[in-house]
Structures are given as C-alpha cells and as structure tokens.
C-alpha atoms as a PDB file:
ATOM      1  CA  UNK A   1     111.601  80.547  90.480  1.00  0.00           C
ATOM      2  CA  UNK A   2     112.390  80.905  94.164  1.00  0.00           C
ATOM      3  CA  UNK A   3     109.560  81.487  96.594  1.00  0.00           C
ATOM      4  CA  UNK A   4     109.872  84.047  99.330  1.00  0.00           C
ATOM      5  CA  UNK A   5     109.517  82.873 102.916  1.00  0.00           C
ATOM      6  CA  UNK A   6     106.142  84.627 103.098  1.00  0.00           C
ATOM      7  CA  UNK A   7     104.738  82.806 100.092  1.00  0.00           C
ATOM      8  CA  UNK A   8     106.126  79.512 101.356  1.00  0.00           C
ATOM      9  CA  UNK A   9     104.471  80.163 104.744  1.00  0.00           C
ATOM     10  CA  UNK A  10     101.137  80.882 103.049  1.00  0.00           C
ATOM     11  CA  UNK A  11     101.340  77.622 101.131  1.00  0.00           C
ATOM     12  CA  UNK A  12     102.140  75.704 104.322  1.00  0.00           C
ATOM     13  CA  UNK A  13      99.167  77.207 106.191  1.00  0.00           C
ATOM     14  CA  UNK A  14      96.804  76.531 103.297  1.00  0.00           C
ATOM     15  CA  UNK A  15      97.933  72.911 103.205  1.00  0.00           C
ATOM     16  CA  UNK A  16      97.927  72.457 106.986  1.00  0.00           C
ATOM     17  CA  UNK A  17      94.415  73.807 107.486  1.00  0.00           C
ATOM     18  CA  UNK A  18      93.099  72.733 104.061  1.00  0.00           C
ATOM     19  CA  UNK A  19      92.000  76.257 103.201  1.00  0.00           C
ATOM     20  CA  UNK A  20      91.238  77.439  99.705  1.00  0.00           C
ATOM     21  CA  UNK A  21      93.254  80.421  98.520  1.00  0.00           C
ATOM     22  CA  UNK A  22      90.147  82.597  98.795  1.00  0.00           C
ATOM     23  CA  UNK A  23      89.445  81.401 102.344  1.00  0.00           C
ATOM     24  CA  UNK A  24      93.034  82.103 103.365  1.00  0.00           C
ATOM     25  CA  UNK A  25      93.000  85.582 101.813  1.00  0.00           C
ATOM     26  CA  UNK A  26      89.664  86.497 103.382  1.00  0.00           C
ATOM     27  CA  UNK A  27      90.806  85.234 106.789  1.00  0.00           C
ATOM     28  CA  UNK A  28      94.078  87.173 106.635  1.00  0.00           C
ATOM     29  CA  UNK A  29      92.273  90.363 105.602  1.00  0.00           C
ATOM     30  CA  UNK A  30      89.859  89.903 108.522  1.00  0.00           C
ATOM     31  CA  UNK A  31      92.822  89.394 110.854  1.00  0.00           C
ATOM     32  CA  UNK A  32      94.245  92.675 109.588  1.00  0.00           C
ATOM     33  CA  UNK A  33      91.084  94.335 110.843  1.00  0.00           C
ATOM     34  CA  UNK A  34      89.136  94.778 107.635  1.00  0.00           C
ATOM     35  CA  UNK A  35      85.345  94.667 107.794  1.00  0.00           C
ATOM     36  CA  UNK A  36      83.461  92.211 105.619  1.00  0.00           C
ATOM     37  CA  UNK A  37      82.452  95.034 103.276  1.00  0.00           C
ATOM     38  CA  UNK A  38      86.116  95.996 102.875  1.00  0.00           C
ATOM     39  CA  UNK A  39      87.177  92.379 102.328  1.00  0.00           C
ATOM     40  CA  UNK A  40      84.473  92.098  99.660  1.00  0.00           C
ATOM     41  CA  UNK A  41      85.742  95.216  97.881  1.00  0.00           C
ATOM     42  CA  UNK A  42      89.347  94.003  98.043  1.00  0.00           C
ATOM     43  CA  UNK A  43      88.467  90.566  96.677  1.00  0.00           C
ATOM     44  CA  UNK A  44      85.752  91.617  94.210  1.00  0.00           C
ATOM     45  CA  UNK A  45      82.998  89.616  95.917  1.00  0.00           C
ATOM     46  CA  UNK A  46      79.837  90.383  97.904  1.00  0.00           C
ATOM     47  CA  UNK A  47      79.997  91.092 101.657  1.00  0.00           C
ATOM     48  CA  UNK A  48      77.943  87.911 102.217  1.00  0.00           C
ATOM     49  CA  UNK A  49      80.535  85.868 100.301  1.00  0.00           C
ATOM     50  CA  UNK A  50      83.329  87.487 102.319  1.00  0.00           C
ATOM     51  CA  UNK A  51      81.560  86.511 105.549  1.00  0.00           C
ATOM     52  CA  UNK A  52      81.035  82.944 104.297  1.00  0.00           C
ATOM     53  CA  UNK A  53      84.711  82.574 103.308  1.00  0.00           C
ATOM     54  CA  UNK A  54      85.916  83.785 106.710  1.00  0.00           C
ATOM     55  CA  UNK A  55      83.468  81.558 108.575  1.00  0.00           C
ATOM     56  CA  UNK A  56      84.477  78.505 106.541  1.00  0.00           C
ATOM     57  CA  UNK A  57      88.170  79.238 107.156  1.00  0.00           C
ATOM     58  CA  UNK A  58      87.642  79.711 110.896  1.00  0.00           C
ATOM     59  CA  UNK A  59      85.690  76.452 111.080  1.00  0.00           C
ATOM     60  CA  UNK A  60      88.497  74.542 109.344  1.00  0.00           C
ATOM     61  CA  UNK A  61      91.217  76.098 111.496  1.00  0.00           C
ATOM     62  CA  UNK A  62      89.302  75.452 114.715  1.00  0.00           C
ATOM     63  CA  UNK A  63      88.691  71.854 113.717  1.00  0.00           C
ATOM     64  CA  UNK A  64      92.353  71.215 112.854  1.00  0.00           C
ATOM     65  CA  UNK A  65      93.662  73.181 115.836  1.00  0.00           C
ATOM     66  CA  UNK A  66      91.127  71.445 118.103  1.00  0.00           C
ATOM     67  CA  UNK A  67      89.918  74.720 119.580  1.00  0.00           C
ATOM     68  CA  UNK A  68      87.134  74.073 122.063  1.00  0.00           C
ATOM     69  CA  UNK A  69      83.707  75.476 121.373  1.00  0.00           C
ATOM     70  CA  UNK A  70      83.249  78.856 123.009  1.00  0.00           C
ATOM     71  CA  UNK A  71      86.911  79.844 122.838  1.00  0.00           C
ATOM     72  CA  UNK A  72      87.410  83.056 120.948  1.00  0.00           C
ATOM     73  CA  UNK A  73      91.149  82.896 120.271  1.00  0.00           C
ATOM     74  CA  UNK A  74      93.366  80.543 118.399  1.00  0.00           C
ATOM     75  CA  UNK A  75      96.909  80.658 117.084  1.00  0.00           C
ATOM     76  CA  UNK A  76      98.187  80.137 113.561  1.00  0.00           C
ATOM     77  CA  UNK A  77     101.512  78.374 114.160  1.00  0.00           C
ATOM     78  CA  UNK A  78     103.845  80.876 115.836  1.00  0.00           C
ATOM     79  CA  UNK A  79     101.707  83.949 115.221  1.00  0.00           C
ATOM     80  CA  UNK A  80      99.949  86.007 117.828  1.00  0.00           C
ATOM     81  CA  UNK A  81      96.386  85.040 118.838  1.00  0.00           C
ATOM     82  CA  UNK A  82      93.557  85.822 116.465  1.00  0.00           C
ATOM     83  CA  UNK A  83      90.271  87.070 117.926  1.00  0.00           C
ATOM     84  CA  UNK A  84      86.908  86.312 116.343  1.00  0.00           C
END
C-alpha cells in the first residue's frame, strides 16, 4: 500500500522528534488552535491528559530542535513557526 506524502511526513516527524502517535496528534491539534478540552474530546481522553501529551511533545521537540529556554516559537522542518 502506498503512503501519501502527508502520512510519510507524519512518520518522519514522529521519528525525528521521537514522539508517540498520541503526542504528535495532540500537538498538531493544538497547533490548529484547539483548546485542551477540544483536543480531549477529539482524542477521547481527559483535558489533563491532553495537556500532558502536548507538554511532553513540546519538550521533546524543543530538546531536539535545541530551542533556548524562554523562546516561544519553534519550527517543525519547513513549516511556519508554532507559538506556545
């Protein structure tokens, strides 16, 4: 079965930043502007779990991307900046 470019890109980002699938999904939903409550509803988890997934993903991405403490933006490959 052939993968679409989007799915291939997702797999590359997960591998590059060592994110779990849930962390990646929660982070992408947050980047789309969803609130933690909305992410929780979408993923079938609690708002606290949604927050924890996003925070864990951000921590991993910052560490791999070597984003300095206090910076509020980082880039995922060639994408536009993500604010947190």
